[in-house]
PDB file of N, CA and C in Angstrom:
ATOM      1  N   MET A   1     -26.551  25.791  25.931  1.00  0.00           N
ATOM      2  CA  MET A   1     -26.228  24.379  25.936  1.00  0.00           C
ATOM      3  C   MET A   1     -26.123  23.823  24.507  1.00  0.00           C
ATOM      4  N   THR A   2     -26.948  24.296  23.573  1.00  0.00           N
ATOM      5  CA  THR A   2     -26.867  23.753  22.226  1.00  0.00           C
ATOM      6  C   THR A   2     -25.600  24.227  21.519  1.00  0.00           C
ATOM      7  N   GLU A   3     -25.113  25.427  21.866  1.00  0.00           N
ATOM      8  CA  GLU A   3     -23.870  25.891  21.260  1.00  0.00           C
ATOM      9  C   GLU A   3     -22.718  24.976  21.638  1.00  0.00           C
ATOM     10  N   LYS A   4     -22.698  24.503  22.885  1.00  0.00           N
ATOM     11  CA  LYS A   4     -21.672  23.547  23.318  1.00  0.00           C
ATOM     12  C   LYS A   4     -21.783  22.246  22.540  1.00  0.00           C
ATOM     13  N   ASN A   5     -22.994  21.793  22.344  1.00  0.00           N
ATOM     14  CA  ASN A   5     -23.209  20.550  21.585  1.00  0.00           C
ATOM     15  C   ASN A   5     -22.790  20.710  20.131  1.00  0.00           C
ATOM     16  N   ASP A   6     -23.084  21.891  19.562  1.00  0.00           N
ATOM     17  CA  ASP A   6     -22.681  22.148  18.180  1.00  0.00           C
ATOM     18  C   ASP A   6     -21.163  22.146  18.043  1.00  0.00           C
ATOM     19  N   LEU A   7     -20.473  22.782  19.003  1.00  0.00           N
ATOM     20  CA  LEU A   7     -19.014  22.799  18.975  1.00  0.00           C
ATOM     21  C   LEU A   7     -18.444  21.395  19.135  1.00  0.00           C
ATOM     22  N   ALA A   8     -19.050  20.621  20.009  1.00  0.00           N
ATOM     23  CA  ALA A   8     -18.587  19.242  20.201  1.00  0.00           C
ATOM     24  C   ALA A   8     -18.795  18.425  18.932  1.00  0.00           C
ATOM     25  N   GLN A   9     -19.913  18.644  18.271  1.00  0.00           N
ATOM     26  CA  GLN A   9     -20.180  17.917  17.021  1.00  0.00           C
ATOM     27  C   GLN A   9     -19.189  18.327  15.942  1.00  0.00           C
ATOM     28  N   ASP A  10     -18.874  19.627  15.879  1.00  0.00           N
ATOM     29  CA  ASP A  10     -17.873  20.092  14.911  1.00  0.00           C
ATOM     30  C   ASP A  10     -16.526  19.428  15.162  1.00  0.00           C
ATOM     31  N   ARG A  11     -16.117  19.357  16.424  1.00  0.00           N
ATOM     32  CA  ARG A  11     -14.825  18.722  16.746  1.00  0.00           C
ATOM     33  C   ARG A  11     -14.840  17.247  16.357  1.00  0.00           C
ATOM     34  N   THR A  12     -15.963  16.591  16.571  1.00  0.00           N
ATOM     35  CA  THR A  12     -16.069  15.187  16.193  1.00  0.00           C
ATOM     36  C   THR A  12     -15.992  15.027  14.680  1.00  0.00           C
ATOM     37  N   ASP A  13     -16.681  15.896  13.954  1.00  0.00           N
ATOM     38  CA  ASP A  13     -16.642  15.844  12.494  1.00  0.00           C
ATOM     39  C   ASP A  13     -15.225  16.065  11.974  1.00  0.00           C
ATOM     40  N   TRP A  14     -14.526  17.046  12.552  1.00  0.00           N
ATOM     41  CA  TRP A  14     -13.161  17.323  12.121  1.00  0.00           C
ATOM     42  C   TRP A  14     -12.234  16.147  12.430  1.00  0.00           C
ATOM     43  N   ALA A  15     -12.463  15.531  13.568  1.00  0.00           N
ATOM     44  CA  ALA A  15     -11.635  14.375  13.925  1.00  0.00           C
ATOM     45  C   ALA A  15     -11.840  13.236  12.930  1.00  0.00           C
ATOM     46  N   GLU A  16     -13.085  13.030  12.509  1.00  0.00           N
ATOM     47  CA  GLU A  16     -13.345  11.984  11.517  1.00  0.00           C
ATOM     48  C   GLU A  16     -12.670  12.326  10.191  1.00  0.00           C
ATOM     49  N   ASP A  17     -12.708  13.599   9.806  1.00  0.00           N
ATOM     50  CA  ASP A  17     -12.032  13.999   8.567  1.00  0.00           C
ATOM     51  C   ASP A  17     -10.522  13.806   8.675  1.00  0.00           C
ATOM     52  N   ARG A  18      -9.952  14.136   9.831  1.00  0.00           N
ATOM     53  CA  ARG A  18      -8.507  13.916  10.017  1.00  0.00           C
ATOM     54  C   ARG A  18      -8.185  12.423   9.956  1.00  0.00           C
ATOM     55  N   THR A  19      -9.078  11.599  10.456  1.00  0.00           N
ATOM     56  CA  THR A  19      -8.860  10.158  10.424  1.00  0.00           C
ATOM     57  C   THR A  19      -8.898   9.639   8.985  1.00  0.00           C
ATOM     58  N   ILE A  20      -9.773  10.193   8.174  1.00  0.00           N
ATOM     59  CA  ILE A  20      -9.819   9.814   6.753  1.00  0.00           C
ATOM     60  C   ILE A  20      -8.486  10.148   6.081  1.00  0.00           C
ATOM     61  N   LEU A  21      -7.989  11.344   6.351  1.00  0.00           N
ATOM     62  CA  LEU A  21      -6.711  11.746   5.756  1.00  0.00           C
ATOM     63  C   LEU A  21      -5.564  10.889   6.288  1.00  0.00           C
ATOM     64  N   ALA A  22      -5.603  10.547   7.559  1.00  0.00           N
ATOM     65  CA  ALA A  22      -4.570   9.673   8.127  1.00  0.00           C
ATOM     66  C   ALA A  22      -4.621   8.292   7.478  1.00  0.00           C
ATOM     67  N   ASN A  23      -5.822   7.809   7.207  1.00  0.00           N
ATOM     68  CA  ASN A  23      -5.973   6.512   6.544  1.00  0.00           C
ATOM     69  C   ASN A  23      -5.341   6.551   5.157  1.00  0.00           C
ATOM     70  N   GLU A  24      -5.520   7.650   4.445  1.00  0.00           N
ATOM     71  CA  GLU A  24      -4.927   7.765   3.114  1.00  0.00           C
ATOM     72  C   GLU A  24      -3.403   7.870   3.186  1.00  0.00           C
ATOM     73  N   ARG A  25      -2.899   8.554   4.203  1.00  0.00           N
ATOM     74  CA  ARG A  25      -1.434   8.616   4.379  1.00  0.00           C
ATOM     75  C   ARG A  25      -0.880   7.234   4.715  1.00  0.00           C
ATOM     76  N   THR A  26      -1.621   6.488   5.516  1.00  0.00           N
ATOM     77  CA  THR A  26      -1.193   5.133   5.865  1.00  0.00           C
ATOM     78  C   THR A  26      -1.171   4.247   4.620  1.00  0.00           C
ATOM     79  N   PHE A  27      -2.195   4.366   3.791  1.00  0.00           N
ATOM     80  CA  PHE A  27      -2.239   3.616   2.527  1.00  0.00           C
ATOM     81  C   PHE A  27      -1.007   3.946   1.679  1.00  0.00           C
ATOM     82  N   ALA A  28      -0.704   5.237   1.556  1.00  0.00           N
ATOM     83  CA  ALA A  28       0.466   5.652   0.772  1.00  0.00           C
ATOM     84  C   ALA A  28       1.755   5.093   1.377  1.00  0.00           C
ATOM     85  N   GLY A  29       1.832   5.086   2.702  1.00  0.00           N
ATOM     86  CA  GLY A  29       3.020   4.538   3.370  1.00  0.00           C
ATOM     87  C   GLY A  29       3.191   3.055   3.091  1.00  0.00           C
ATOM     88  N   TRP A  30       2.107   2.323   3.106  1.00  0.00           N
ATOM     89  CA  TRP A  30       2.203   0.890   2.817  1.00  0.00           C
ATOM     90  C   TRP A  30       2.554   0.641   1.361  1.00  0.00           C
ATOM     91  N   MET A  31       2.059   1.488   0.471  1.00  0.00           N
ATOM     92  CA  MET A  31       2.432   1.334  -0.935  1.00  0.00           C
ATOM     93  C   MET A  31       3.929   1.592  -1.105  1.00  0.00           C
ATOM     94  N   ARG A  32       4.457   2.582  -0.382  1.00  0.00           N
ATOM     95  CA  ARG A  32       5.908   2.825  -0.440  1.00  0.00           C
ATOM     96  C   ARG A  32       6.678   1.643   0.120  1.00  0.00           C
ATOM     97  N   THR A  33       6.154   1.038   1.169  1.00  0.00           N
ATOM     98  CA  THR A  33       6.815  -0.137   1.743  1.00  0.00           C
ATOM     99  C   THR A  33       6.828  -1.285   0.743  1.00  0.00           C
ATOM    100  N   GLY A  34       5.735  -1.464   0.019  1.00  0.00           N
ATOM    101  CA  GLY A  34       5.697  -2.487  -1.026  1.00  0.00           C
ATOM    102  C   GLY A  34       6.703  -2.212  -2.123  1.00  0.00           C
ATOM    103  N   MET A  35       6.832  -0.944  -2.500  1.00  0.00           N
ATOM    104  CA  MET A  35       7.829  -0.584  -3.512  1.00  0.00           C
ATOM    105  C   MET A  35       9.250  -0.822  -2.991  1.00  0.00           C
ATOM    106  N   ALA A  36       9.466  -0.579  -1.718  1.00  0.00           N
ATOM    107  CA  ALA A  36      10.791  -0.842  -1.132  1.00  0.00           C
ATOM    108  C   ALA A  36      11.095  -2.332  -1.170  1.00  0.00           C
ATOM    109  N   SER A  37      10.090  -3.151  -0.910  1.00  0.00           N
ATOM    110  CA  SER A  37      10.281  -4.596  -0.981  1.00  0.00           C
ATOM    111  C   SER A  37      10.639  -5.017  -2.403  1.00  0.00           C
ATOM    112  N   LEU A  38       9.998  -4.408  -3.363  1.00  0.00           N
ATOM    113  CA  LEU A  38      10.297  -4.697  -4.761  1.00  0.00           C
ATOM    114  C   LEU A  38      11.711  -4.219  -5.114  1.00  0.00           C
ATOM    115  N   ALA A  39      12.107  -3.084  -4.565  1.00  0.00           N
ATOM    116  CA  ALA A  39      13.463  -2.576  -4.807  1.00  0.00           C
ATOM    117  C   ALA A  39      14.512  -3.521  -4.231  1.00  0.00           C
ATOM    118  N   VAL A  40      14.214  -4.138  -3.092  1.00  0.00           N
ATOM    119  CA  VAL A  40      15.138  -5.124  -2.523  1.00  0.00           C
ATOM    120  C   VAL A  40      15.275  -6.311  -3.470  1.00  0.00           C
ATOM    121  N   ALA A  41      14.155  -6.735  -4.053  1.00  0.00           N
ATOM    122  CA  ALA A  41      14.205  -7.858  -5.000  1.00  0.00           C
ATOM    123  C   ALA A  41      15.105  -7.528  -6.187  1.00  0.00           C
ATOM    124  N   VAL A  42      14.969  -6.322  -6.725  1.00  0.00           N
ATOM    125  CA  VAL A  42      15.808  -5.914  -7.858  1.00  0.00           C
ATOM    126  C   VAL A  42      17.263  -5.763  -7.408  1.00  0.00           C
ATOM    127  N   GLY A  43      17.446  -5.210  -6.210  1.00  0.00           N
ATOM    128  CA  GLY A  43      18.790  -5.030  -5.679  1.00  0.00           C
ATOM    129  C   GLY A  43      19.519  -6.344  -5.473  1.00  0.00           C
ATOM    130  N   LEU A  44      18.796  -7.389  -5.146  1.00  0.00           N
ATOM    131  CA  LEU A  44      19.434  -8.699  -4.973  1.00  0.00           C
ATOM    132  C   LEU A  44      20.100  -9.162  -6.266  1.00  0.00           C
ATOM    133  N   LYS A  45      19.485  -8.834  -7.386  1.00  0.00           N
ATOM    134  CA  LYS A  45      20.081  -9.206  -8.678  1.00  0.00           C
ATOM    135  C   LYS A  45      21.427  -8.498  -8.854  1.00  0.00           C
ATOM    136  N   ALA A  46      21.466  -7.226  -8.448  1.00  0.00           N
ATOM    137  CA  ALA A  46      22.713  -6.473  -8.587  1.00  0.00           C
ATOM    138  C   ALA A  46      23.780  -6.988  -7.628  1.00  0.00           C
ATOM    139  N   VAL A  47      23.379  -7.329  -6.423  1.00  0.00           N
ATOM    140  CA  VAL A  47      24.342  -7.772  -5.416  1.00  0.00           C
ATOM    141  C   VAL A  47      24.838  -9.182  -5.698  1.00  0.00           C
ATOM    142  N   PHE A  48      23.916 -10.064  -6.064  1.00  0.00           N
ATOM    143  CA  PHE A  48      24.279 -11.469  -6.263  1.00  0.00           C
ATOM    144  C   PHE A  48      24.386 -11.823  -7.735  1.00  0.00           C
ATOM    145  N   GLY A  49      24.732 -10.881  -8.577  1.00  0.00           N
ATOM    146  CA  GLY A  49      24.788 -11.065 -10.026  1.00  0.00           C
ATOM    147  C   GLY A  49      25.089 -12.461 -10.520  1.00  0.00           C
ATOM    148  N   ASP A  50      26.282 -12.977 -10.264  1.00  0.00           N
ATOM    149  CA  ASP A  50      26.671 -14.291 -10.776  1.00  0.00           C
ATOM    150  C   ASP A  50      26.680 -15.350  -9.677  1.00  0.00           C
ATOM    151  N   PHE A  51      25.764 -15.209  -8.737  1.00  0.00           N
ATOM    152  CA  PHE A  51      25.682 -16.148  -7.618  1.00  0.00           C
ATOM    153  C   PHE A  51      25.286 -17.528  -8.123  1.00  0.00           C
ATOM    154  N   GLU A  52      25.925 -18.540  -7.583  1.00  0.00           N
ATOM    155  CA  GLU A  52      25.581 -19.935  -7.938  1.00  0.00           C
ATOM    156  C   GLU A  52      25.096 -20.645  -6.693  1.00  0.00           C
ATOM    157  N   PRO A  53      24.059 -21.377  -6.709  1.00  0.00           N
ATOM    158  CA  PRO A  53      23.129 -21.605  -7.817  1.00  0.00           C
ATOM    159  C   PRO A  53      22.202 -20.396  -7.997  1.00  0.00           C
ATOM    160  N   THR A  54      21.961 -20.047  -9.239  1.00  0.00           N
ATOM    161  CA  THR A  54      21.171 -18.854  -9.543  1.00  0.00           C
ATOM    162  C   THR A  54      19.737 -18.969  -9.048  1.00  0.00           C
ATOM    163  N   TRP A  55      19.218 -20.195  -8.994  1.00  0.00           N
ATOM    164  CA  TRP A  55      17.834 -20.357  -8.551  1.00  0.00           C
ATOM    165  C   TRP A  55      17.659 -19.913  -7.102  1.00  0.00           C
ATOM    166  N   MET A  56      18.710 -20.007  -6.301  1.00  0.00           N
ATOM    167  CA  MET A  56      18.581 -19.618  -4.906  1.00  0.00           C
ATOM    168  C   MET A  56      18.427 -18.099  -4.776  1.00  0.00           C
ATOM    169  N   ALA A  57      19.259 -17.353  -5.475  1.00  0.00           N
ATOM    170  CA  ALA A  57      19.159 -15.888  -5.438  1.00  0.00           C
ATOM    171  C   ALA A  57      17.818 -15.432  -6.026  1.00  0.00           C
ATOM    172  N   LYS A  58      17.384 -16.092  -7.087  1.00  0.00           N
ATOM    173  CA  LYS A  58      16.104 -15.736  -7.701  1.00  0.00           C
ATOM    174  C   LYS A  58      14.942 -16.072  -6.772  1.00  0.00           C
ATOM    175  N   SER A  59      15.059 -17.153  -6.023  1.00  0.00           N
ATOM    176  CA  SER A  59      14.012 -17.521  -5.070  1.00  0.00           C
ATOM    177  C   SER A  59      13.893 -16.499  -3.952  1.00  0.00           C
ATOM    178  N   VAL A  60      15.036 -16.048  -3.459  1.00  0.00           N
ATOM    179  CA  VAL A  60      15.015 -15.029  -2.407  1.00  0.00           C
ATOM    180  C   VAL A  60      14.416 -13.730  -2.951  1.00  0.00           C
ATOM    181  N   ALA A  61      14.782 -13.347  -4.155  1.00  0.00           N
ATOM    182  CA  ALA A  61      14.207 -12.155  -4.772  1.00  0.00           C
ATOM    183  C   ALA A  61      12.698 -12.320  -4.944  1.00  0.00           C
ATOM    184  N   SER A  62      12.274 -13.527  -5.285  1.00  0.00           N
ATOM    185  CA  SER A  62      10.843 -13.794  -5.455  1.00  0.00           C
ATOM    186  C   SER A  62      10.079 -13.632  -4.148  1.00  0.00           C
ATOM    187  N   LEU A  63      10.714 -13.958  -3.042  1.00  0.00           N
ATOM    188  CA  LEU A  63      10.061 -13.754  -1.740  1.00  0.00           C
ATOM    189  C   LEU A  63       9.743 -12.274  -1.522  1.00  0.00           C
ATOM    190  N   PHE A  64      10.658 -11.396  -1.932  1.00  0.00           N
ATOM    191  CA  PHE A  64      10.411  -9.968  -1.786  1.00  0.00           C
ATOM    192  C   PHE A  64       9.342  -9.478  -2.757  1.00  0.00           C
ATOM    193  N   VAL A  65       9.256 -10.076  -3.931  1.00  0.00           N
ATOM    194  CA  VAL A  65       8.185  -9.740  -4.868  1.00  0.00           C
ATOM    195  C   VAL A  65       6.842 -10.166  -4.279  1.00  0.00           C
ATOM    196  N   ILE A  66       6.784 -11.348  -3.712  1.00  0.00           N
ATOM    197  CA  ILE A  66       5.550 -11.836  -3.078  1.00  0.00           C
ATOM    198  C   ILE A  66       5.177 -10.945  -1.897  1.00  0.00           C
ATOM    199  N   ALA A  67       6.170 -10.545  -1.113  1.00  0.00           N
ATOM    200  CA  ALA A  67       5.902  -9.645   0.014  1.00  0.00           C
ATOM    201  C   ALA A  67       5.308  -8.335  -0.497  1.00  0.00           C
ATOM    202  N   ALA A  68       5.833  -7.810  -1.595  1.00  0.00           N
ATOM    203  CA  ALA A  68       5.302  -6.572  -2.166  1.00  0.00           C
ATOM    204  C   ALA A  68       3.837  -6.752  -2.568  1.00  0.00           C
ATOM    205  N   LEU A  69       3.527  -7.876  -3.204  1.00  0.00           N
ATOM    206  CA  LEU A  69       2.139  -8.140  -3.597  1.00  0.00           C
ATOM    207  C   LEU A  69       1.217  -8.174  -2.381  1.00  0.00           C
ATOM    208  N   LEU A  70       1.643  -8.867  -1.343  1.00  0.00           N
ATOM    209  CA  LEU A  70       0.827  -8.947  -0.130  1.00  0.00           C
ATOM    210  C   LEU A  70       0.644  -7.574   0.510  1.00  0.00           C
ATOM    211  N   ILE A  71       1.693  -6.792   0.510  1.00  0.00           N
ATOM    212  CA  ILE A  71       1.606  -5.446   1.087  1.00  0.00           C
ATOM    213  C   ILE A  71       0.633  -4.587   0.288  1.00  0.00           C
ATOM    214  N   PHE A  72       0.714  -4.622  -1.033  1.00  0.00           N
ATOM    215  CA  PHE A  72      -0.175  -3.806  -1.857  1.00  0.00           C
ATOM    216  C   PHE A  72      -1.638  -4.153  -1.596  1.00  0.00           C
ATOM    217  N   TRP A  73      -1.944  -5.448  -1.582  1.00  0.00           N
ATOM    218  CA  TRP A  73      -3.350  -5.844  -1.432  1.00  0.00           C
ATOM    219  C   TRP A  73      -3.865  -5.683  -0.007  1.00  0.00           C
ATOM    220  N   SER A  74      -3.010  -5.905   0.974  1.00  0.00           N
ATOM    221  CA  SER A  74      -3.495  -5.692   2.340  1.00  0.00           C
ATOM    222  C   SER A  74      -3.669  -4.203   2.614  1.00  0.00           C
ATOM    223  N   ALA A  75      -2.835  -3.347   2.020  1.00  0.00           N
ATOM    224  CA  ALA A  75      -3.000  -1.900   2.168  1.00  0.00           C
ATOM    225  C   ALA A  75      -4.351  -1.460   1.605  1.00  0.00           C
ATOM    226  N   ALA A  76      -4.687  -1.941   0.422  1.00  0.00           N
ATOM    227  CA  ALA A  76      -5.964  -1.573  -0.187  1.00  0.00           C
ATOM    228  C   ALA A  76      -7.135  -2.097   0.637  1.00  0.00           C
ATOM    229  N   ALA A  77      -7.053  -3.330   1.091  1.00  0.00           N
ATOM    230  CA  ALA A  77      -8.152  -3.920   1.859  1.00  0.00           C
ATOM    231  C   ALA A  77      -8.348  -3.217   3.194  1.00  0.00           C
ATOM    232  N   GLN A  78      -7.251  -2.951   3.898  1.00  0.00           N
ATOM    233  CA  GLN A  78      -7.358  -2.284   5.200  1.00  0.00           C
ATOM    234  C   GLN A  78      -7.849  -0.847   5.051  1.00  0.00           C
ATOM    235  N   SER A  79      -7.417  -0.178   4.013  1.00  0.00           N
ATOM    236  CA  SER A  79      -7.853   1.193   3.782  1.00  0.00           C
ATOM    237  C   SER A  79      -9.352   1.242   3.500  1.00  0.00           C
ATOM    238  N   LEU A  80      -9.826   0.309   2.696  1.00  0.00           N
ATOM    239  CA  LEU A  80     -11.251   0.246   2.399  1.00  0.00           C
ATOM    240  C   LEU A  80     -12.055  -0.055   3.663  1.00  0.00           C
ATOM    241  N   LYS A  81     -11.546  -0.958   4.478  1.00  0.00           N
ATOM    242  CA  LYS A  81     -12.233  -1.302   5.716  1.00  0.00           C
ATOM    243  C   LYS A  81     -12.355  -0.074   6.635  1.00  0.00           C
ATOM    244  N   ALA A  82     -11.299   0.698   6.715  1.00  0.00           N
ATOM    245  CA  ALA A  82     -11.325   1.905   7.548  1.00  0.00           C
ATOM    246  C   ALA A  82     -12.283   2.943   6.962  1.00  0.00           C
ATOM    247  N   GLN A  83     -12.277   3.094   5.640  1.00  0.00           N
ATOM    248  CA  GLN A  83     -13.164   4.075   5.005  1.00  0.00           C
ATOM    249  C   GLN A  83     -14.632   3.766   5.269  1.00  0.00           C
ATOM    250  N   LYS A  84     -14.980   2.504   5.302  1.00  0.00           N
ATOM    251  CA  LYS A  84     -16.374   2.122   5.518  1.00  0.00           C
ATOM    252  C   LYS A  84     -16.857   2.487   6.921  1.00  0.00           C
ATOM    253  N   ARG A  85     -15.930   2.544   7.882  1.00  0.00           N
ATOM    254  CA  ARG A  85     -16.312   2.824   9.266  1.00  0.00           C
ATOM    255  C   ARG A  85     -16.405   4.312   9.579  1.00  0.00           C
ATOM    256  N   ILE A  86     -15.862   5.159   8.718  1.00  0.00           N
ATOM    257  CA  ILE A  86     -15.748   6.579   9.020  1.00  0.00           C
ATOM    258  C   ILE A  86     -16.642   7.383   8.080  1.00  0.00           C
ATOM    259  N   SER A  87     -17.316   8.374   8.642  1.00  0.00           N
ATOM    260  CA  SER A  87     -18.123   9.283   7.833  1.00  0.00           C
ATOM    261  C   SER A  87     -17.302  10.511   7.492  1.00  0.00           C
ATOM    262  N   SER A  88     -17.377  10.943   6.239  1.00  0.00           N
ATOM    263  CA  SER A  88     -16.653  12.155   5.857  1.00  0.00           C
ATOM    264  C   SER A  88     -17.599  13.339   5.970  1.00  0.00           C
ATOM    265  N   HIS A  89     -17.018  14.481   6.235  1.00  0.00           N
ATOM    266  CA  HIS A  89     -17.823  15.692   6.393  1.00  0.00           C
ATOM    267  C   HIS A  89     -17.337  16.759   5.420  1.00  0.00           C
ATOM    268  N   ALA A  90     -16.184  17.347   5.681  1.00  0.00           N
ATOM    269  CA  ALA A  90     -15.641  18.371   4.791  1.00  0.00           C
ATOM    270  C   ALA A  90     -14.597  17.793   3.849  1.00  0.00           C
ATOM    271  N   THR A  91     -14.150  16.585   4.109  1.00  0.00           N
ATOM    272  CA  THR A  91     -13.108  15.944   3.313  1.00  0.00           C
ATOM    273  C   THR A  91     -13.724  14.908   2.386  1.00  0.00           C
ATOM    274  N   ALA A  92     -13.303  14.900   1.142  1.00  0.00           N
ATOM    275  CA  ALA A  92     -13.753  13.863   0.207  1.00  0.00           C
ATOM    276  C   ALA A  92     -12.713  12.755   0.216  1.00  0.00           C
ATOM    277  N   PRO A  93     -13.080  11.569   0.693  1.00  0.00           N
ATOM    278  CA  PRO A  93     -12.092  10.486   0.751  1.00  0.00           C
ATOM    279  C   PRO A  93     -11.725   9.978  -0.642  1.00  0.00           C
ATOM    280  N   GLN A  94     -10.514   9.429  -0.717  1.00  0.00           N
ATOM    281  CA  GLN A  94     -10.052   8.790  -1.958  1.00  0.00           C
ATOM    282  C   GLN A  94     -11.001   7.638  -2.274  1.00  0.00           C
ATOM    283  N   SER A  95     -11.329   7.458  -3.525  1.00  0.00           N
ATOM    284  CA  SER A  95     -12.269   6.398  -3.868  1.00  0.00           C
ATOM    285  C   SER A  95     -11.602   5.029  -3.724  1.00  0.00           C
ATOM    286  N   ALA A  96     -12.381   4.085  -3.264  1.00  0.00           N
ATOM    287  CA  ALA A  96     -11.893   2.713  -3.095  1.00  0.00           C
ATOM    288  C   ALA A  96     -11.488   2.129  -4.446  1.00  0.00           C
ATOM    289  N   ARG A  97     -12.195   2.502  -5.483  1.00  0.00           N
ATOM    290  CA  ARG A  97     -11.885   2.008  -6.829  1.00  0.00           C
ATOM    291  C   ARG A  97     -10.476   2.427  -7.246  1.00  0.00           C
ATOM    292  N   LYS A  98     -10.103   3.668  -6.942  1.00  0.00           N
ATOM    293  CA  LYS A  98      -8.760   4.142  -7.298  1.00  0.00           C
ATOM    294  C   LYS A  98      -7.693   3.423  -6.484  1.00  0.00           C
ATOM    295  N   MET A  99      -7.994   3.158  -5.209  1.00  0.00           N
ATOM    296  CA  MET A  99      -7.015   2.454  -4.375  1.00  0.00           C
ATOM    297  C   MET A  99      -6.803   1.035  -4.889  1.00  0.00           C
ATOM    298  N   PHE A 100      -7.877   0.357  -5.228  1.00  0.00           N
ATOM    299  CA  PHE A 100      -7.738  -1.001  -5.753  1.00  0.00           C
ATOM    300  C   PHE A 100      -7.096  -0.994  -7.133  1.00  0.00           C
ATOM    301  N   ALA A 101      -7.388   0.028  -7.943  1.00  0.00           N
ATOM    302  CA  ALA A 101      -6.730   0.136  -9.256  1.00  0.00           C
ATOM    303  C   ALA A 101      -5.226   0.324  -9.081  1.00  0.00           C
ATOM    304  N   LEU A 102      -4.840   1.153  -8.127  1.00  0.00           N
ATOM    305  CA  LEU A 102      -3.417   1.354  -7.867  1.00  0.00           C
ATOM    306  C   LEU A 102      -2.766   0.061  -7.382  1.00  0.00           C
ATOM    307  N   ALA A 103      -3.449  -0.650  -6.481  1.00  0.00           N
ATOM    308  CA  ALA A 103      -2.912  -1.925  -6.001  1.00  0.00           C
ATOM    309  C   ALA A 103      -2.775  -2.923  -7.152  1.00  0.00           C
ATOM    310  N   LEU A 104      -3.726  -2.915  -8.069  1.00  0.00           N
ATOM    311  CA  LEU A 104      -3.667  -3.818  -9.223  1.00  0.00           C
ATOM    312  C   LEU A 104      -2.500  -3.456 -10.142  1.00  0.00           C
ATOM    313  N   ILE A 105      -2.338  -2.176 -10.421  1.00  0.00           N
ATOM    314  CA  ILE A 105      -1.240  -1.739 -11.285  1.00  0.00           C
ATOM    315  C   ILE A 105       0.108  -2.095 -10.664  1.00  0.00           C
ATOM    316  N   MET A 106       0.235  -1.819  -9.367  1.00  0.00           N
ATOM    317  CA  MET A 106       1.491  -2.131  -8.684  1.00  0.00           C
ATOM    318  C   MET A 106       1.731  -3.643  -8.661  1.00  0.00           C
ATOM    319  N   SER A 107       0.684  -4.420  -8.537  1.00  0.00           N
ATOM    320  CA  SER A 107       0.821  -5.874  -8.523  1.00  0.00           C
ATOM    321  C   SER A 107       1.268  -6.407  -9.879  1.00  0.00           C
ATOM    322  N   VAL A 108       0.681  -5.883 -10.936  1.00  0.00           N
ATOM    323  CA  VAL A 108       1.076  -6.315 -12.281  1.00  0.00           C
ATOM    324  C   VAL A 108       2.544  -5.946 -12.524  1.00  0.00           C
ATOM    325  N   GLY A 109       2.925  -4.746 -12.115  1.00  0.00           N
ATOM    326  CA  GLY A 109       4.327  -4.344 -12.249  1.00  0.00           C
ATOM    327  C   GLY A 109       5.253  -5.228 -11.437  1.00  0.00           C
ATOM    328  N   SER A 110       4.822  -5.618 -10.245  1.00  0.00           N
ATOM    329  CA  SER A 110       5.631  -6.502  -9.404  1.00  0.00           C
ATOM    330  C   SER A 110       5.793  -7.874 -10.037  1.00  0.00           C
ATOM    331  N   LEU A 111       4.701  -8.400 -10.562  1.00  0.00           N
ATOM    332  CA  LEU A 111       4.775  -9.713 -11.219  1.00  0.00           C
ATOM    333  C   LEU A 111       5.682  -9.657 -12.449  1.00  0.00           C
ATOM    334  N   ALA A 112       5.583  -8.571 -13.201  1.00  0.00           N
ATOM    335  CA  ALA A 112       6.451  -8.425 -14.378  1.00  0.00           C
ATOM    336  C   ALA A 112       7.913  -8.320 -13.953  1.00  0.00           C
ATOM    337  N   THR A 113       8.171  -7.597 -12.866  1.00  0.00           N
ATOM    338  CA  THR A 113       9.537  -7.484 -12.350  1.00  0.00           C
ATOM    339  C   THR A 113      10.054  -8.852 -11.918  1.00  0.00           C
ATOM    340  N   GLY A 114       9.203  -9.619 -11.237  1.00  0.00           N
ATOM    341  CA  GLY A 114       9.593 -10.965 -10.827  1.00  0.00           C
ATOM    342  C   GLY A 114       9.902 -11.852 -12.022  1.00  0.00           C
ATOM    343  N   ALA A 115       9.085 -11.743 -13.053  1.00  0.00           N
ATOM    344  CA  ALA A 115       9.319 -12.544 -14.258  1.00  0.00           C
ATOM    345  C   ALA A 115      10.638 -12.153 -14.920  1.00  0.00           C
ATOM    346  N   ILE A 116      10.900 -10.863 -14.981  1.00  0.00           N
ATOM    347  CA  ILE A 116      12.165 -10.412 -15.586  1.00  0.00           C
ATOM    348  C   ILE A 116      13.353 -10.906 -14.771  1.00  0.00           C
ATOM    349  N   LEU A 117      13.241 -10.872 -13.461  1.00  0.00           N
ATOM    350  CA  LEU A 117      14.341 -11.360 -12.618  1.00  0.00           C
ATOM    351  C   LEU A 117      14.625 -12.837 -12.891  1.00  0.00           C
ATOM    352  N   TRP A 118      13.585 -13.616 -13.126  1.00  0.00           N
ATOM    353  CA  TRP A 118      13.791 -15.043 -13.403  1.00  0.00           C
ATOM    354  C   TRP A 118      14.400 -15.272 -14.785  1.00  0.00           C
ATOM    355  N   LEU A 119      14.110 -14.357 -15.714  1.00  0.00           N
ATOM    356  CA  LEU A 119      14.638 -14.521 -17.070  1.00  0.00           C
ATOM    357  C   LEU A 119      16.097 -14.069 -17.196  1.00  0.00           C
ATOM    358  N   LEU A 120      16.553 -13.233 -16.287  1.00  0.00           N
ATOM    359  CA  LEU A 120      17.938 -12.732 -16.364  1.00  0.00           C
ATOM    360  C   LEU A 120      18.937 -13.801 -15.979  1.00  0.00           C
TER     361      LEU A 120
END
């Protein structure tokens, strides 16, 4: 009977480790989605180059920059929330500090991109 319990515990531990890895893949997916939103903002400049009034095209591009910022920070927050609920066993989870650092770097880059779009 204890061998069955040990096997069940192993399966549970492995499932938790797979969930940790899935959480990290989800975080990466959301970061890619944020980058895609930022790419749309830059692409709007190329598509609407000499659009008049320029403030309208820049405002729409700014919405995509803001969306990217929200995506980056919600990805980091949700990932951290999931990490706190799950115990790791054989897998070492990505550190929350690195996830927030990445979200911060991506946010600063997004803000700089938004500023450049307004200056063009």
